[in-house]
């Protein structure tokens, strides 16, 4: 089993217009989630079920060089979602790069 995650990174300490650090898509295998589960159980015994998948996604982003640090928002993306195929994997994408792939919608849209 493999799951795809959209990771968005920000630094809340920066000025509002500079907080977004980039986003990436990573694919995580069940084996990677199982490896992360051991660390999650040791460090965060009250973690919610499924946290190992997010930990594995964040770890994968770090290993592939697409994790710039800061805070991370992780969203599971269905592998058959039509937008998932448009984005490269394991690559940090700037706002401009994301806009070039697909226009970003805001709450007012």
C-alpha atoms as a PDB file:
ATOM      1  CA  UNK A   1       0.000   0.000   0.000  1.00  0.00           C
ATOM      2  CA  UNK A   2       1.199   3.491  -0.864  1.00  0.00           C
ATOM      3  CA  UNK A   3      -0.290   6.826   0.172  1.00  0.00           C
ATOM      4  CA  UNK A   4       0.375  10.242  -1.343  1.00  0.00           C
ATOM      5  CA  UNK A   5       0.705  13.348   0.835  1.00  0.00           C
ATOM      6  CA  UNK A   6       0.664  17.044   0.027  1.00  0.00           C
ATOM      7  CA  UNK A   7       3.020  18.820   2.431  1.00  0.00           C
ATOM      8  CA  UNK A   8       2.917  22.589   2.764  1.00  0.00           C
ATOM      9  CA  UNK A   9       5.638  24.359   4.753  1.00  0.00           C
ATOM     10  CA  UNK A  10       5.536  27.745   6.484  1.00  0.00           C
ATOM     11  CA  UNK A  11       7.465  29.870   8.955  1.00  0.00           C
ATOM     12  CA  UNK A  12       4.935  31.762  11.125  1.00  0.00           C
ATOM     13  CA  UNK A  13       7.701  33.993  12.494  1.00  0.00           C
ATOM     14  CA  UNK A  14       8.320  35.620   9.108  1.00  0.00           C
ATOM     15  CA  UNK A  15       6.311  38.568   7.772  1.00  0.00           C
ATOM     16  CA  UNK A  16       2.924  37.456   6.396  1.00  0.00           C
ATOM     17  CA  UNK A  17       3.938  37.653   2.721  1.00  0.00           C
ATOM     18  CA  UNK A  18       7.054  35.535   3.356  1.00  0.00           C
ATOM     19  CA  UNK A  19       5.609  32.748   5.535  1.00  0.00           C
ATOM     20  CA  UNK A  20       5.005  30.197   2.767  1.00  0.00           C
ATOM     21  CA  UNK A  21       8.195  28.175   2.243  1.00  0.00           C
ATOM     22  CA  UNK A  22       6.931  25.799  -0.433  1.00  0.00           C
ATOM     23  CA  UNK A  23       4.992  22.588  -0.917  1.00  0.00           C
ATOM     24  CA  UNK A  24       5.643  19.103  -2.218  1.00  0.00           C
ATOM     25  CA  UNK A  25       3.992  15.778  -2.936  1.00  0.00           C
ATOM     26  CA  UNK A  26       5.531  12.603  -1.552  1.00  0.00           C
ATOM     27  CA  UNK A  27       4.540   8.968  -1.853  1.00  0.00           C
ATOM     28  CA  UNK A  28       4.871   6.894   1.316  1.00  0.00           C
ATOM     29  CA  UNK A  29       4.935   3.114   1.439  1.00  0.00           C
ATOM     30  CA  UNK A  30       3.440   1.012   4.186  1.00  0.00           C
ATOM     31  CA  UNK A  31       6.968  -0.113   5.135  1.00  0.00           C
ATOM     32  CA  UNK A  32       8.025   3.539   5.590  1.00  0.00           C
ATOM     33  CA  UNK A  33       4.959   4.167   7.763  1.00  0.00           C
ATOM     34  CA  UNK A  34       5.740   1.043   9.814  1.00  0.00           C
ATOM     35  CA  UNK A  35       9.299   2.310  10.401  1.00  0.00           C
ATOM     36  CA  UNK A  36       7.949   5.697  11.495  1.00  0.00           C
ATOM     37  CA  UNK A  37       5.408   4.008  13.798  1.00  0.00           C
ATOM     38  CA  UNK A  38       8.208   2.732  16.030  1.00  0.00           C
ATOM     39  CA  UNK A  39       9.543   6.249  16.559  1.00  0.00           C
ATOM     40  CA  UNK A  40       6.064   7.717  17.018  1.00  0.00           C
ATOM     41  CA  UNK A  41       5.212   5.125  19.684  1.00  0.00           C
ATOM     42  CA  UNK A  42       8.445   5.858  21.542  1.00  0.00           C
ATOM     43  CA  UNK A  43       8.346   9.667  21.343  1.00  0.00           C
ATOM     44  CA  UNK A  44       4.599  10.360  21.268  1.00  0.00           C
ATOM     45  CA  UNK A  45       2.725   7.576  23.083  1.00  0.00           C
ATOM     46  CA  UNK A  46      -0.585   9.475  22.804  1.00  0.00           C
ATOM     47  CA  UNK A  47      -0.333  10.148  19.072  1.00  0.00           C
ATOM     48  CA  UNK A  48      -3.458   9.586  17.035  1.00  0.00           C
ATOM     49  CA  UNK A  49      -3.845   6.495  14.902  1.00  0.00           C
ATOM     50  CA  UNK A  50      -2.358   7.183  11.467  1.00  0.00           C
ATOM     51  CA  UNK A  51       0.264   9.664  12.697  1.00  0.00           C
ATOM     52  CA  UNK A  52       2.936   7.291  11.438  1.00  0.00           C
ATOM     53  CA  UNK A  53       1.924   8.086   7.847  1.00  0.00           C
ATOM     54  CA  UNK A  54       2.414  11.830   8.364  1.00  0.00           C
ATOM     55  CA  UNK A  55       5.709  11.225  10.165  1.00  0.00           C
ATOM     56  CA  UNK A  56       6.881   9.044   7.275  1.00  0.00           C
ATOM     57  CA  UNK A  57       5.801  11.692   4.739  1.00  0.00           C
ATOM     58  CA  UNK A  58       7.702  14.406   6.596  1.00  0.00           C
ATOM     59  CA  UNK A  59      10.744  12.137   6.893  1.00  0.00           C
ATOM     60  CA  UNK A  60      10.587  11.359   3.161  1.00  0.00           C
ATOM     61  CA  UNK A  61      10.443  15.077   2.343  1.00  0.00           C
ATOM     62  CA  UNK A  62      13.533  15.622   4.463  1.00  0.00           C
ATOM     63  CA  UNK A  63      15.402  12.700   2.891  1.00  0.00           C
ATOM     64  CA  UNK A  64      14.626  13.877  -0.641  1.00  0.00           C
ATOM     65  CA  UNK A  65      15.578  17.485   0.073  1.00  0.00           C
ATOM     66  CA  UNK A  66      12.130  19.008  -0.321  1.00  0.00           C
ATOM     67  CA  UNK A  67      11.567  19.869   3.348  1.00  0.00           C
ATOM     68  CA  UNK A  68      12.730  23.456   3.978  1.00  0.00           C
ATOM     69  CA  UNK A  69      11.883  23.279   7.683  1.00  0.00           C
ATOM     70  CA  UNK A  70       9.282  25.292   9.532  1.00  0.00           C
ATOM     71  CA  UNK A  71       5.799  24.068  10.311  1.00  0.00           C
ATOM     72  CA  UNK A  72       4.176  21.484   8.066  1.00  0.00           C
ATOM     73  CA  UNK A  73       0.595  20.838   7.029  1.00  0.00           C
ATOM     74  CA  UNK A  74       0.032  17.329   5.691  1.00  0.00           C
ATOM     75  CA  UNK A  75      -2.961  16.293   3.627  1.00  0.00           C
ATOM     76  CA  UNK A  76      -3.523  12.785   2.287  1.00  0.00           C
ATOM     77  CA  UNK A  77      -4.275  12.905  -1.437  1.00  0.00           C
ATOM     78  CA  UNK A  78      -6.215  10.092  -3.081  1.00  0.00           C
ATOM     79  CA  UNK A  79      -3.884   8.434  -5.582  1.00  0.00           C
ATOM     80  CA  UNK A  80      -6.584   8.624  -8.247  1.00  0.00           C
ATOM     81  CA  UNK A  81      -7.202  12.359  -7.731  1.00  0.00           C
ATOM     82  CA  UNK A  82      -6.788  14.056 -11.139  1.00  0.00           C
ATOM     83  CA  UNK A  83      -4.620  16.866  -9.731  1.00  0.00           C
ATOM     84  CA  UNK A  84      -2.151  14.433  -8.131  1.00  0.00           C
ATOM     85  CA  UNK A  85      -0.670  13.465 -11.494  1.00  0.00           C
ATOM     86  CA  UNK A  86       0.056  17.116 -12.371  1.00  0.00           C
ATOM     87  CA  UNK A  87       2.595  17.663  -9.599  1.00  0.00           C
ATOM     88  CA  UNK A  88       6.108  16.201  -9.502  1.00  0.00           C
ATOM     89  CA  UNK A  89       7.044  14.090  -6.512  1.00  0.00           C
ATOM     90  CA  UNK A  90       9.826  14.821  -4.011  1.00  0.00           C
ATOM     91  CA  UNK A  91      10.445  18.361  -5.240  1.00  0.00           C
ATOM     92  CA  UNK A  92       9.937  21.565  -3.247  1.00  0.00           C
ATOM     93  CA  UNK A  93       7.654  23.820  -5.274  1.00  0.00           C
ATOM     94  CA  UNK A  94       7.481  27.586  -4.827  1.00  0.00           C
ATOM     95  CA  UNK A  95       4.242  29.527  -5.082  1.00  0.00           C
ATOM     96  CA  UNK A  96       5.224  30.514  -8.623  1.00  0.00           C
ATOM     97  CA  UNK A  97       5.876  26.897  -9.596  1.00  0.00           C
ATOM     98  CA  UNK A  98       2.535  25.837  -8.121  1.00  0.00           C
ATOM     99  CA  UNK A  99       0.735  28.619 -10.023  1.00  0.00           C
ATOM    100  CA  UNK A 100       2.403  27.487 -13.258  1.00  0.00           C
ATOM    101  CA  UNK A 101       1.000  23.961 -12.777  1.00  0.00           C
ATOM    102  CA  UNK A 102      -2.494  24.981 -11.656  1.00  0.00           C
ATOM    103  CA  UNK A 103      -3.886  28.312 -10.443  1.00  0.00           C
ATOM    104  CA  UNK A 104      -4.106  28.512  -6.677  1.00  0.00           C
ATOM    105  CA  UNK A 105      -7.596  29.187  -5.399  1.00  0.00           C
ATOM    106  CA  UNK A 106      -8.191  31.336  -2.353  1.00  0.00           C
ATOM    107  CA  UNK A 107     -11.095  31.371   0.096  1.00  0.00           C
ATOM    108  CA  UNK A 108     -12.696  34.168  -1.937  1.00  0.00           C
ATOM    109  CA  UNK A 109     -12.819  32.081  -5.142  1.00  0.00           C
END
